[in-house]
Protein backbone atom coordinates (compact mmCIF):
# COMPACT_ATOMS: atom_id res chain seq x y z
CA MET A 1 -67.60 -45.05 93.76
CA LYS A 2 -71.02 -43.82 95.50
CA SER A 3 -73.93 -46.13 96.19
CA ASN A 4 -75.94 -44.19 94.21
CA GLN A 5 -73.79 -44.36 91.23
CA ILE A 6 -73.79 -48.21 91.62
CA GLN A 7 -77.00 -48.54 92.06
CA THR A 8 -77.69 -46.79 88.51
CA LEU A 9 -74.86 -48.88 86.84
CA THR A 10 -76.24 -51.67 87.99
CA VAL A 11 -80.07 -50.66 86.57
CA ALA A 12 -78.52 -49.54 83.37
CA LEU A 13 -76.44 -52.89 82.57
CA SER A 14 -79.53 -54.86 83.59
CA VAL A 15 -81.61 -53.16 81.28
CA ILE A 16 -78.86 -53.35 78.51
CA VAL A 17 -78.74 -57.13 79.09
CA PHE A 18 -82.66 -57.32 78.75
CA SER A 19 -82.72 -55.75 75.87
CA ILE A 20 -80.21 -57.68 74.02
CA SER A 21 -81.85 -61.08 74.95
CA LEU A 22 -84.77 -59.75 73.20
CA THR A 23 -82.98 -59.34 69.70
CA GLN A 24 -81.79 -62.85 69.89
CA TYR A 25 -83.54 -66.03 68.16
CA VAL A 26 -85.78 -68.57 70.08
CA VAL A 27 -85.52 -71.82 68.21
CA THR A 28 -88.30 -74.36 68.38
CA ILE A 29 -87.66 -77.75 67.19
CA ASP A 30 -90.81 -79.99 66.02
CA TYR A 31 -89.50 -83.00 64.53
CA ASP A 32 -87.40 -81.87 61.68
CA ILE A 33 -88.55 -78.50 61.20
CA VAL A 34 -86.78 -75.92 62.81
CA ASP A 35 -88.84 -72.68 63.45
CA PRO A 36 -86.69 -69.50 64.25
CA VAL A 37 -88.71 -67.00 66.17
CA ARG A 38 -87.61 -64.13 67.87
CA SER A 39 -87.51 -63.64 71.78
CA TRP A 40 -89.63 -60.38 71.95
CA GLN A 41 -92.12 -62.52 70.31
CA TYR A 42 -92.02 -65.07 73.11
CA LEU A 43 -92.32 -62.11 75.58
CA THR A 44 -95.27 -60.53 73.98
CA VAL A 45 -97.56 -63.69 73.58
CA GLY A 46 -96.08 -65.49 76.90
CA SER A 47 -98.95 -63.87 78.94
CA VAL A 48 -101.53 -66.09 77.07
CA ALA A 49 -99.86 -69.70 77.72
CA LEU A 50 -101.83 -69.77 81.06
CA PHE A 51 -105.22 -70.08 78.54
CA GLY A 52 -103.78 -72.94 76.67
CA GLY A 53 -102.77 -75.07 79.50
CA GLY A 54 -99.38 -73.99 79.96
CA ILE A 55 -98.93 -73.42 83.43
CA LEU A 56 -95.61 -73.98 83.83
CA GLU A 57 -94.63 -71.66 80.83
CA TRP A 58 -96.94 -68.96 82.32
CA PHE A 59 -94.68 -69.32 85.36
CA ILE A 60 -91.54 -69.12 83.73
CA TRP A 61 -93.00 -65.92 81.66
CA LEU A 62 -93.72 -64.51 84.71
CA ALA A 63 -90.09 -63.53 85.36
CA ASN A 64 -90.47 -60.78 82.79
CA PRO A 65 -93.22 -58.59 84.27
CA LEU A 66 -91.61 -59.65 87.75
CA TYR A 67 -88.15 -58.21 86.55
CA ILE A 68 -89.90 -54.79 85.00
CA ILE A 69 -91.88 -54.18 88.29
CA SER A 70 -88.67 -54.85 90.22
CA ILE A 71 -86.51 -52.44 88.27
CA SER A 72 -89.18 -49.96 88.50
CA LEU A 73 -89.64 -49.92 92.01
CA PHE A 74 -85.71 -49.94 92.39
CA ILE A 75 -85.51 -46.54 90.47
CA LYS A 76 -88.36 -45.20 92.50
CA LYS A 77 -86.15 -46.06 95.70
CA LEU A 78 -83.16 -44.70 94.38
């Protein structure tokens, strides 16, 4: 395999795994209440965690836009 094919395969598999992860449920347990929420909802709402005082949660969420930026820069370099 050529390196260009390997890079394309790497990006494709990475995006597929990220897309599949957005279809999964995130379970938040609040005492005895189990509230299932989709992970894409956390992806869209995670940016406002900073305003609610969730500094650590916001830093964890920051991996998502950094992933998208890194994939786009990686594709441009291909």
